[in-house]
Amino acid sequence: RTQLRPIKRRRVFTTRWRRVLKVSASFVFVLFVGYGIVAFVLQTPVLSIDRLIVHGNVHLSTEEALSLVDGLRGENIFLADLKQWRNALLASPWVKDVTLRTVIPSTIEITISERTPMALGRIDGHLFLIDDEARLIAEYGAEYAHFDLPVIDGLLHQTSNGPEAIDDQRSQLTMRVMNDLETQPRIVSRISQIDLSNPSNVVVILDDDEALIHLGVYQFADRLQSYLQMFTALREKVPHIDYVDLRFGDRVYVRPVGLEGDSVGQQ
């Protein structure tokens, strides 16, 4: 019996090593095959991006969009950093949002959501297309002559530690004004200028009307609608109006042109 015990131990030891060797061989084989597959995927030309399709763009030309992601061509479709190229597209002032989608084997679909010009911002004597957040899109020129938009003054504000800029307060105010006025398209079409110089009092000028219309900081569309409804009656009493103040509910203050001092007429 004492002679049989070592033999049993050797058999158990040998069996375990055989299992280890089999598992190791299987692992090496799987690793080798996997490496071969990965190498094939990374090196095969079939998976190199060679087609970029752009959707959703209207004012930003397809050529301009493609120029922003030109380096994407030739990259492996599985290794391309789409977040990086998305940020490159977002750098365009026309692009509000964008998504990139891979289409195997070698195509990237780019879907662009553009900013919508809502007004013309007057900055340092130049006009710029701006969206409802007062973001500059492009300098106004002949190619944008088809846009019939109101002009916004007073966008720039002197910052404490730098040059004039469009601050958050005026950006938010621009958004509130434009979004509210968009509820009344016929009123928007009649607006010539909007002055945001005083963030506590938005002032508007209508087409074919010299009067400055003080609207305050809310109910912009409703107050302009009430002004248009009383327009004829006001002109019968005051043919030439300097400004109309609509900030006080049912009380409307009118100042005739040429009136001395700060007094106003009350209607």
C-alpha atoms as a PDB file:
ATOM      1  CA  ARG A   1       0.000   0.000   0.000  1.00  0.00           C
ATOM      2  CA  THR A   2       2.824   2.349   0.716  1.00  0.00           C
ATOM      3  CA  GLN A   3       4.170   1.778  -2.789  1.00  0.00           C
ATOM      4  CA  LEU A   4       0.859   2.628  -4.497  1.00  0.00           C
ATOM      5  CA  ARG A   5       0.353   6.055  -2.953  1.00  0.00           C
ATOM      6  CA  PRO A   6       3.105   7.894  -4.823  1.00  0.00           C
ATOM      7  CA  ILE A   7       1.850   6.482  -8.125  1.00  0.00           C
ATOM      8  CA  LYS A   8      -1.643   7.842  -7.441  1.00  0.00           C
ATOM      9  CA  ARG A   9      -0.256  11.257  -6.652  1.00  0.00           C
ATOM     10  CA  ARG A  10       1.739  11.346  -9.861  1.00  0.00           C
ATOM     11  CA  ARG A  11      -1.330  10.428 -11.882  1.00  0.00           C
ATOM     12  CA  VAL A  12      -3.384  13.207 -10.301  1.00  0.00           C
ATOM     13  CA  PHE A  13      -0.559  15.689 -10.841  1.00  0.00           C
ATOM     14  CA  THR A  14      -0.164  14.637 -14.472  1.00  0.00           C
ATOM     15  CA  THR A  15      -3.913  14.901 -15.134  1.00  0.00           C
ATOM     16  CA  ARG A  16      -4.044  18.431 -13.736  1.00  0.00           C
ATOM     17  CA  TRP A  17      -1.147  19.575 -15.883  1.00  0.00           C
ATOM     18  CA  ARG A  18      -2.762  18.120 -18.951  1.00  0.00           C
ATOM     19  CA  ARG A  19      -5.896  20.138 -18.228  1.00  0.00           C
ATOM     20  CA  VAL A  20      -3.835  23.270 -17.692  1.00  0.00           C
ATOM     21  CA  LEU A  21      -2.004  22.717 -20.940  1.00  0.00           C
ATOM     22  CA  LYS A  22      -5.248  22.108 -22.828  1.00  0.00           C
ATOM     23  CA  VAL A  23      -6.816  25.283 -21.417  1.00  0.00           C
ATOM     24  CA  SER A  24      -3.665  27.268 -22.144  1.00  0.00           C
ATOM     25  CA  ALA A  25      -3.519  25.946 -25.681  1.00  0.00           C
ATOM     26  CA  SER A  26      -7.163  26.823 -26.205  1.00  0.00           C
ATOM     27  CA  PHE A  27      -6.572  30.317 -24.813  1.00  0.00           C
ATOM     28  CA  VAL A  28      -3.541  30.867 -27.053  1.00  0.00           C
ATOM     29  CA  PHE A  29      -5.508  29.667 -30.042  1.00  0.00           C
ATOM     30  CA  VAL A  30      -8.454  31.961 -29.272  1.00  0.00           C
ATOM     31  CA  LEU A  31      -6.039  34.857 -28.663  1.00  0.00           C
ATOM     32  CA  PHE A  32      -4.276  34.187 -31.941  1.00  0.00           C
ATOM     33  CA  VAL A  33      -7.540  33.990 -33.875  1.00  0.00           C
ATOM     34  CA  GLY A  34      -8.850  37.126 -32.134  1.00  0.00           C
ATOM     35  CA  TYR A  35      -5.675  39.013 -32.928  1.00  0.00           C
ATOM     36  CA  GLY A  36      -5.966  37.985 -36.532  1.00  0.00           C
ATOM     37  CA  ILE A  37      -9.579  39.163 -36.683  1.00  0.00           C
ATOM     38  CA  VAL A  38      -8.748  42.520 -35.044  1.00  0.00           C
ATOM     39  CA  ALA A  39      -5.769  43.022 -37.352  1.00  0.00           C
ATOM     40  CA  PHE A  40      -7.962  42.266 -40.348  1.00  0.00           C
ATOM     41  CA  VAL A  41     -10.694  44.664 -39.161  1.00  0.00           C
ATOM     42  CA  LEU A  42      -8.197  47.469 -38.533  1.00  0.00           C
ATOM     43  CA  GLN A  43      -6.295  47.069 -41.760  1.00  0.00           C
ATOM     44  CA  THR A  44      -8.934  46.137 -44.312  1.00  0.00           C
ATOM     45  CA  PRO A  45      -9.676  48.973 -46.756  1.00  0.00           C
ATOM     46  CA  VAL A  46     -13.331  47.961 -46.796  1.00  0.00           C
ATOM     47  CA  LEU A  47     -13.823  49.568 -43.368  1.00  0.00           C
ATOM     48  CA  SER A  48     -12.016  52.828 -44.222  1.00  0.00           C
ATOM     49  CA  ILE A  49     -14.458  55.743 -44.332  1.00  0.00           C
ATOM     50  CA  ASP A  50     -14.800  56.902 -47.923  1.00  0.00           C
ATOM     51  CA  ARG A  51     -18.336  58.309 -48.023  1.00  0.00           C
ATOM     52  CA  LEU A  52     -19.795  61.242 -46.039  1.00  0.00           C
ATOM     53  CA  ILE A  53     -23.485  62.047 -46.477  1.00  0.00           C
ATOM     54  CA  VAL A  54     -24.843  65.377 -45.170  1.00  0.00           C
ATOM     55  CA  HIS A  55     -28.524  65.919 -44.327  1.00  0.00           C
ATOM     56  CA  GLY A  56     -30.505  68.849 -42.917  1.00  0.00           C
ATOM     57  CA  ASN A  57     -28.297  71.701 -44.082  1.00  0.00           C
ATOM     58  CA  VAL A  58     -29.939  74.638 -45.871  1.00  0.00           C
ATOM     59  CA  HIS A  59     -27.758  77.717 -45.474  1.00  0.00           C
ATOM     60  CA  LEU A  60     -24.538  75.895 -44.626  1.00  0.00           C
ATOM     61  CA  SER A  61     -23.437  74.400 -47.939  1.00  0.00           C
ATOM     62  CA  THR A  62     -22.612  70.722 -48.163  1.00  0.00           C
ATOM     63  CA  GLU A  63     -19.084  71.643 -49.289  1.00  0.00           C
ATOM     64  CA  GLU A  64     -18.573  73.796 -46.164  1.00  0.00           C
ATOM     65  CA  ALA A  65     -19.849  71.019 -43.913  1.00  0.00           C
ATOM     66  CA  LEU A  66     -17.597  68.436 -45.537  1.00  0.00           C
ATOM     67  CA  SER A  67     -14.577  70.722 -45.263  1.00  0.00           C
ATOM     68  CA  LEU A  68     -15.016  70.708 -41.470  1.00  0.00           C
ATOM     69  CA  VAL A  69     -14.726  66.909 -41.332  1.00  0.00           C
ATOM     70  CA  ASP A  70     -12.367  66.341 -44.232  1.00  0.00           C
ATOM     71  CA  GLY A  71      -9.893  64.438 -42.024  1.00  0.00           C
ATOM     72  CA  LEU A  72     -12.557  61.847 -41.294  1.00  0.00           C
ATOM     73  CA  ARG A  73     -12.050  60.251 -44.692  1.00  0.00           C
ATOM     74  CA  GLY A  74      -9.730  57.280 -44.612  1.00  0.00           C
ATOM     75  CA  GLU A  75     -10.158  56.604 -40.904  1.00  0.00           C
ATOM     76  CA  ASN A  76     -11.271  53.163 -39.780  1.00  0.00           C
ATOM     77  CA  ILE A  77     -15.011  53.297 -39.163  1.00  0.00           C
ATOM     78  CA  PHE A  78     -14.632  51.555 -35.789  1.00  0.00           C
ATOM     79  CA  LEU A  79     -11.782  53.749 -34.565  1.00  0.00           C
ATOM     80  CA  ALA A  80     -12.954  57.187 -35.755  1.00  0.00           C
ATOM     81  CA  ASP A  81     -13.541  59.650 -32.893  1.00  0.00           C
ATOM     82  CA  LEU A  82     -16.995  60.868 -33.904  1.00  0.00           C
ATOM     83  CA  LYS A  83     -17.231  63.137 -30.845  1.00  0.00           C
ATOM     84  CA  GLN A  84     -14.190  65.064 -32.072  1.00  0.00           C
ATOM     85  CA  TRP A  85     -15.680  65.518 -35.529  1.00  0.00           C
ATOM     86  CA  ARG A  86     -19.051  66.470 -34.081  1.00  0.00           C
ATOM     87  CA  ASN A  87     -17.334  69.279 -32.152  1.00  0.00           C
ATOM     88  CA  ALA A  88     -15.652  70.378 -35.393  1.00  0.00           C
ATOM     89  CA  LEU A  89     -19.086  70.754 -37.022  1.00  0.00           C
ATOM     90  CA  LEU A  90     -20.509  72.564 -33.998  1.00  0.00           C
ATOM     91  CA  ALA A  91     -17.783  75.176 -34.457  1.00  0.00           C
ATOM     92  CA  SER A  92     -19.738  76.466 -37.455  1.00  0.00           C
ATOM     93  CA  PRO A  93     -22.033  79.335 -36.362  1.00  0.00           C
ATOM     94  CA  TRP A  94     -24.791  77.900 -38.581  1.00  0.00           C
ATOM     95  CA  VAL A  95     -24.828  74.548 -36.764  1.00  0.00           C
ATOM     96  CA  LYS A  96     -27.068  74.355 -33.700  1.00  0.00           C
ATOM     97  CA  ASP A  97     -26.841  70.588 -33.301  1.00  0.00           C
ATOM     98  CA  VAL A  98     -25.478  67.647 -35.293  1.00  0.00           C
ATOM     99  CA  THR A  99     -25.375  63.869 -35.129  1.00  0.00           C
ATOM    100  CA  LEU A 100     -22.978  61.475 -36.849  1.00  0.00           C
ATOM    101  CA  ARG A 101     -24.050  57.883 -37.542  1.00  0.00           C
ATOM    102  CA  THR A 102     -21.921  55.038 -38.833  1.00  0.00           C
ATOM    103  CA  VAL A 103     -23.250  52.937 -41.685  1.00  0.00           C
ATOM    104  CA  ILE A 104     -21.174  49.793 -42.172  1.00  0.00           C
ATOM    105  CA  PRO A 105     -18.912  49.285 -43.993  1.00  0.00           C
ATOM    106  CA  SER A 106     -17.566  52.751 -44.862  1.00  0.00           C
ATOM    107  CA  THR A 107     -20.195  55.523 -44.632  1.00  0.00           C
ATOM    108  CA  ILE A 108     -20.842  58.289 -42.097  1.00  0.00           C
ATOM    109  CA  GLU A 109     -24.228  60.042 -42.158  1.00  0.00           C
ATOM    110  CA  ILE A 110     -24.179  63.637 -40.844  1.00  0.00           C
ATOM    111  CA  THR A 111     -27.506  65.171 -39.828  1.00  0.00           C
ATOM    112  CA  ILE A 112     -27.366  68.920 -39.174  1.00  0.00           C
ATOM    113  CA  SER A 113     -29.844  71.114 -37.322  1.00  0.00           C
ATOM    114  CA  GLU A 114     -29.218  74.731 -38.321  1.00  0.00           C
ATOM    115  CA  ARG A 115     -29.736  77.902 -36.353  1.00  0.00           C
ATOM    116  CA  THR A 116     -32.693  79.988 -37.525  1.00  0.00           C
ATOM    117  CA  PRO A 117     -32.003  83.706 -38.169  1.00  0.00           C
ATOM    118  CA  MET A 118     -34.514  85.698 -36.129  1.00  0.00           C
ATOM    119  CA  ALA A 119     -33.152  89.237 -36.457  1.00  0.00           C
ATOM    120  CA  LEU A 120     -30.276  91.405 -37.646  1.00  0.00           C
ATOM    121  CA  GLY A 121     -27.993  92.487 -34.837  1.00  0.00           C
ATOM    122  CA  ARG A 122     -26.342  95.872 -35.371  1.00  0.00           C
ATOM    123  CA  ILE A 123     -22.811  95.725 -33.929  1.00  0.00           C
ATOM    124  CA  ASP A 124     -20.183  98.413 -34.550  1.00  0.00           C
ATOM    125  CA  GLY A 125     -22.087  99.623 -37.599  1.00  0.00           C
ATOM    126  CA  HIS A 126     -22.348  96.166 -39.169  1.00  0.00           C
ATOM    127  CA  LEU A 127     -25.375  93.899 -39.425  1.00  0.00           C
ATOM    128  CA  PHE A 128     -25.228  90.231 -38.462  1.00  0.00           C
ATOM    129  CA  LEU A 129     -27.768  87.466 -38.715  1.00  0.00           C
ATOM    130  CA  ILE A 130     -28.569  86.333 -35.157  1.00  0.00           C
ATOM    131  CA  ASP A 131     -30.709  83.542 -33.757  1.00  0.00           C
ATOM    132  CA  ASP A 132     -33.212  83.751 -30.894  1.00  0.00           C
ATOM    133  CA  GLU A 133     -30.356  83.534 -28.351  1.00  0.00           C
ATOM    134  CA  ALA A 134     -28.508  86.506 -29.875  1.00  0.00           C
ATOM    135  CA  ARG A 135     -25.787  84.214 -31.234  1.00  0.00           C
ATOM    136  CA  LEU A 136     -24.032  85.635 -34.277  1.00  0.00           C
ATOM    137  CA  ILE A 137     -24.507  83.445 -37.355  1.00  0.00           C
ATOM    138  CA  ALA A 138     -23.058  85.395 -40.270  1.00  0.00           C
ATOM    139  CA  GLU A 139     -22.487  88.957 -41.391  1.00  0.00           C
ATOM    140  CA  TYR A 140     -25.438  90.209 -43.386  1.00  0.00           C
ATOM    141  CA  GLY A 141     -24.762  90.542 -47.093  1.00  0.00           C
ATOM    142  CA  ALA A 142     -26.367  90.304 -50.517  1.00  0.00           C
ATOM    143  CA  GLU A 143     -26.628  86.515 -50.234  1.00  0.00           C
ATOM    144  CA  TYR A 144     -29.002  86.968 -47.288  1.00  0.00           C
ATOM    145  CA  ALA A 145     -31.126  89.724 -48.798  1.00  0.00           C
ATOM    146  CA  HIS A 146     -34.151  87.404 -48.846  1.00  0.00           C
ATOM    147  CA  PHE A 147     -34.344  87.611 -45.045  1.00  0.00           C
ATOM    148  CA  ASP A 148     -36.886  90.250 -43.962  1.00  0.00           C
ATOM    149  CA  LEU A 149     -35.894  90.649 -40.317  1.00  0.00           C
ATOM    150  CA  PRO A 150     -36.032  93.406 -37.689  1.00  0.00           C
ATOM    151  CA  VAL A 151     -32.831  95.145 -36.624  1.00  0.00           C
ATOM    152  CA  ILE A 152     -31.788  94.788 -32.972  1.00  0.00           C
ATOM    153  CA  ASP A 153     -29.681  97.515 -31.344  1.00  0.00           C
ATOM    154  CA  GLY A 154     -28.113  97.586 -27.912  1.00  0.00           C
ATOM    155  CA  LEU A 155     -26.852  94.004 -27.884  1.00  0.00           C
ATOM    156  CA  LEU A 156     -23.349  94.894 -26.724  1.00  0.00           C
ATOM    157  CA  HIS A 157     -22.637  95.618 -23.072  1.00  0.00           C
ATOM    158  CA  GLN A 158     -19.426  96.864 -21.509  1.00  0.00           C
ATOM    159  CA  THR A 159     -17.961  94.078 -19.392  1.00  0.00           C
ATOM    160  CA  SER A 160     -16.023  94.735 -16.205  1.00  0.00           C
ATOM    161  CA  ASN A 161     -12.846  93.023 -17.373  1.00  0.00           C
ATOM    162  CA  GLY A 162     -12.830  93.318 -21.124  1.00  0.00           C
ATOM    163  CA  PRO A 163     -14.340  94.789 -24.282  1.00  0.00           C
ATOM    164  CA  GLU A 164     -18.025  95.060 -25.075  1.00  0.00           C
ATOM    165  CA  ALA A 165     -19.799  91.751 -25.565  1.00  0.00           C
ATOM    166  CA  ILE A 166     -23.260  90.231 -25.765  1.00  0.00           C
ATOM    167  CA  ASP A 167     -23.859  89.277 -22.133  1.00  0.00           C
ATOM    168  CA  ASP A 168     -26.172  86.590 -20.771  1.00  0.00           C
ATOM    169  CA  GLN A 169     -28.782  89.148 -19.730  1.00  0.00           C
ATOM    170  CA  ARG A 170     -29.208  90.469 -23.255  1.00  0.00           C
ATOM    171  CA  SER A 171     -29.064  86.979 -24.739  1.00  0.00           C
ATOM    172  CA  GLN A 172     -31.897  85.873 -22.462  1.00  0.00           C
ATOM    173  CA  LEU A 173     -33.853  89.053 -23.161  1.00  0.00           C
ATOM    174  CA  THR A 174     -33.456  88.593 -26.923  1.00  0.00           C
ATOM    175  CA  MET A 175     -34.770  85.037 -26.629  1.00  0.00           C
ATOM    176  CA  ARG A 176     -37.796  86.140 -24.601  1.00  0.00           C
ATOM    177  CA  VAL A 177     -38.610  89.000 -26.961  1.00  0.00           C
ATOM    178  CA  MET A 178     -38.302  86.971 -30.172  1.00  0.00           C
ATOM    179  CA  ASN A 179     -40.121  83.920 -28.838  1.00  0.00           C
ATOM    180  CA  ASP A 180     -42.997  86.067 -27.588  1.00  0.00           C
ATOM    181  CA  LEU A 181     -43.250  88.080 -30.797  1.00  0.00           C
ATOM    182  CA  GLU A 182     -43.210  84.891 -32.900  1.00  0.00           C
ATOM    183  CA  THR A 183     -46.644  84.084 -31.473  1.00  0.00           C
ATOM    184  CA  GLN A 184     -47.945  87.004 -33.574  1.00  0.00           C
ATOM    185  CA  PRO A 185     -46.367  86.637 -37.053  1.00  0.00           C
ATOM    186  CA  ARG A 186     -48.263  89.599 -38.482  1.00  0.00           C
ATOM    187  CA  ILE A 187     -46.873  91.837 -35.773  1.00  0.00           C
ATOM    188  CA  VAL A 188     -43.316  90.586 -36.294  1.00  0.00           C
ATOM    189  CA  SER A 189     -43.545  91.419 -39.991  1.00  0.00           C
ATOM    190  CA  ARG A 190     -44.249  95.063 -39.084  1.00  0.00           C
ATOM    191  CA  ILE A 191     -41.332  95.520 -36.672  1.00  0.00           C
ATOM    192  CA  SER A 192     -38.472  97.611 -38.032  1.00  0.00           C
ATOM    193  CA  GLN A 193     -36.181  97.965 -34.991  1.00  0.00           C
ATOM    194  CA  ILE A 194     -35.812  96.626 -31.450  1.00  0.00           C
ATOM    195  CA  ASP A 195     -33.636  98.422 -28.900  1.00  0.00           C
ATOM    196  CA  LEU A 196     -32.278  96.438 -25.939  1.00  0.00           C
ATOM    197  CA  SER A 197     -29.946  99.156 -24.635  1.00  0.00           C
ATOM    198  CA  ASN A 198     -31.969  99.254 -21.421  1.00  0.00           C
ATOM    199  CA  PRO A 199     -32.632  95.640 -20.349  1.00  0.00           C
ATOM    200  CA  SER A 200     -35.467  96.926 -18.139  1.00  0.00           C
ATOM    201  CA  ASN A 201     -37.359  98.468 -21.033  1.00  0.00           C
ATOM    202  CA  VAL A 202     -37.495  97.047 -24.559  1.00  0.00           C
ATOM    203  CA  VAL A 203     -38.227  99.727 -27.165  1.00  0.00           C
ATOM    204  CA  VAL A 204     -39.657  98.941 -30.606  1.00  0.00           C
ATOM    205  CA  ILE A 205     -40.147 100.917 -33.833  1.00  0.00           C
ATOM    206  CA  LEU A 206     -42.661  99.737 -36.426  1.00  0.00           C
ATOM    207  CA  ASP A 207     -42.469 100.157 -40.183  1.00  0.00           C
ATOM    208  CA  ASP A 208     -43.899 103.505 -41.385  1.00  0.00           C
ATOM    209  CA  ASP A 209     -44.138 104.757 -37.795  1.00  0.00           C
ATOM    210  CA  GLU A 210     -41.712 107.174 -36.137  1.00  0.00           C
ATOM    211  CA  ALA A 211     -42.941 106.556 -32.581  1.00  0.00           C
ATOM    212  CA  LEU A 212     -40.765 104.770 -30.023  1.00  0.00           C
ATOM    213  CA  ILE A 213     -42.914 102.114 -28.358  1.00  0.00           C
ATOM    214  CA  HIS A 214     -41.875 101.267 -24.795  1.00  0.00           C
ATOM    215  CA  LEU A 215     -42.827  97.682 -23.940  1.00  0.00           C
ATOM    216  CA  GLY A 216     -41.073  96.963 -20.639  1.00  0.00           C
ATOM    217  CA  VAL A 217     -39.831  93.409 -20.054  1.00  0.00           C
ATOM    218  CA  TYR A 218     -42.820  91.166 -20.791  1.00  0.00           C
ATOM    219  CA  GLN A 219     -46.085  90.874 -22.809  1.00  0.00           C
ATOM    220  CA  PHE A 220     -44.314  92.261 -25.857  1.00  0.00           C
ATOM    221  CA  ALA A 221     -46.723  90.877 -28.471  1.00  0.00           C
ATOM    222  CA  ASP A 222     -49.860  91.741 -26.470  1.00  0.00           C
ATOM    223  CA  ARG A 223     -48.711  95.311 -25.878  1.00  0.00           C
ATOM    224  CA  LEU A 224     -47.853  95.833 -29.523  1.00  0.00           C
ATOM    225  CA  GLN A 225     -51.247  94.417 -30.482  1.00  0.00           C
ATOM    226  CA  SER A 226     -52.975  96.905 -28.177  1.00  0.00           C
ATOM    227  CA  TYR A 227     -50.930  99.729 -29.698  1.00  0.00           C
ATOM    228  CA  LEU A 228     -51.979  98.774 -33.223  1.00  0.00           C
ATOM    229  CA  GLN A 229     -55.618  98.660 -32.137  1.00  0.00           C
ATOM    230  CA  MET A 230     -55.457 102.224 -30.777  1.00  0.00           C
ATOM    231  CA  PHE A 231     -53.173 103.519 -33.539  1.00  0.00           C
ATOM    232  CA  THR A 232     -55.836 105.436 -35.489  1.00  0.00           C
ATOM    233  CA  ALA A 233     -57.373 107.010 -32.388  1.00  0.00           C
ATOM    234  CA  LEU A 234     -53.961 108.092 -31.101  1.00  0.00           C
ATOM    235  CA  ARG A 235     -53.012 109.704 -34.398  1.00  0.00           C
ATOM    236  CA  GLU A 236     -56.261 111.680 -34.462  1.00  0.00           C
ATOM    237  CA  LYS A 237     -55.346 113.251 -31.126  1.00  0.00           C
ATOM    238  CA  VAL A 238     -51.558 113.365 -31.529  1.00  0.00           C
ATOM    239  CA  PRO A 239     -50.508 113.410 -35.197  1.00  0.00           C
ATOM    240  CA  HIS A 240     -46.761 113.304 -34.436  1.00  0.00           C
ATOM    241  CA  ILE A 241     -45.749 111.065 -31.557  1.00  0.00           C
ATOM    242  CA  ASP A 242     -42.283 110.945 -30.016  1.00  0.00           C
ATOM    243  CA  TYR A 243     -42.959 107.858 -27.907  1.00  0.00           C
ATOM    244  CA  VAL A 244     -45.748 105.716 -26.478  1.00  0.00           C
ATOM    245  CA  ASP A 245     -45.299 104.004 -23.107  1.00  0.00           C
ATOM    246  CA  LEU A 246     -47.332 100.798 -22.707  1.00  0.00           C
ATOM    247  CA  ARG A 247     -45.764  99.506 -19.488  1.00  0.00           C
ATOM    248  CA  PHE A 248     -48.578 100.510 -17.138  1.00  0.00           C
ATOM    249  CA  GLY A 249     -51.524  98.309 -17.993  1.00  0.00           C
ATOM    250  CA  ASP A 250     -54.565 100.239 -19.193  1.00  0.00           C
ATOM    251  CA  ARG A 251     -52.795 103.573 -18.747  1.00  0.00           C
ATOM    252  CA  VAL A 252     -51.005 104.627 -21.933  1.00  0.00           C
ATOM    253  CA  TYR A 253     -48.629 107.583 -21.921  1.00  0.00           C
ATOM    254  CA  VAL A 254     -47.985 109.489 -25.124  1.00  0.00           C
ATOM    255  CA  ARG A 255     -45.359 112.150 -25.712  1.00  0.00           C
ATOM    256  CA  PRO A 256     -45.839 114.370 -28.777  1.00  0.00           C
ATOM    257  CA  VAL A 257     -42.873 115.341 -30.932  1.00  0.00           C
ATOM    258  CA  GLY A 258     -41.339 118.639 -29.829  1.00  0.00           C
ATOM    259  CA  LEU A 259     -42.726 118.576 -26.292  1.00  0.00           C
ATOM    260  CA  GLU A 260     -40.298 120.285 -23.896  1.00  0.00           C
ATOM    261  CA  GLY A 261     -39.182 118.600 -20.691  1.00  0.00           C
ATOM    262  CA  ASP A 262     -40.139 115.151 -19.500  1.00  0.00           C
ATOM    263  CA  SER A 263     -43.932 115.539 -19.311  1.00  0.00           C
ATOM    264  CA  VAL A 264     -46.087 113.141 -21.256  1.00  0.00           C
ATOM    265  CA  GLY A 265     -49.591 113.116 -22.557  1.00  0.00           C
ATOM    266  CA  GLN A 266     -51.887 110.568 -20.911  1.00  0.00           C
ATOM    267  CA  GLN A 267     -54.575 108.560 -22.734  1.00  0.00           C
END
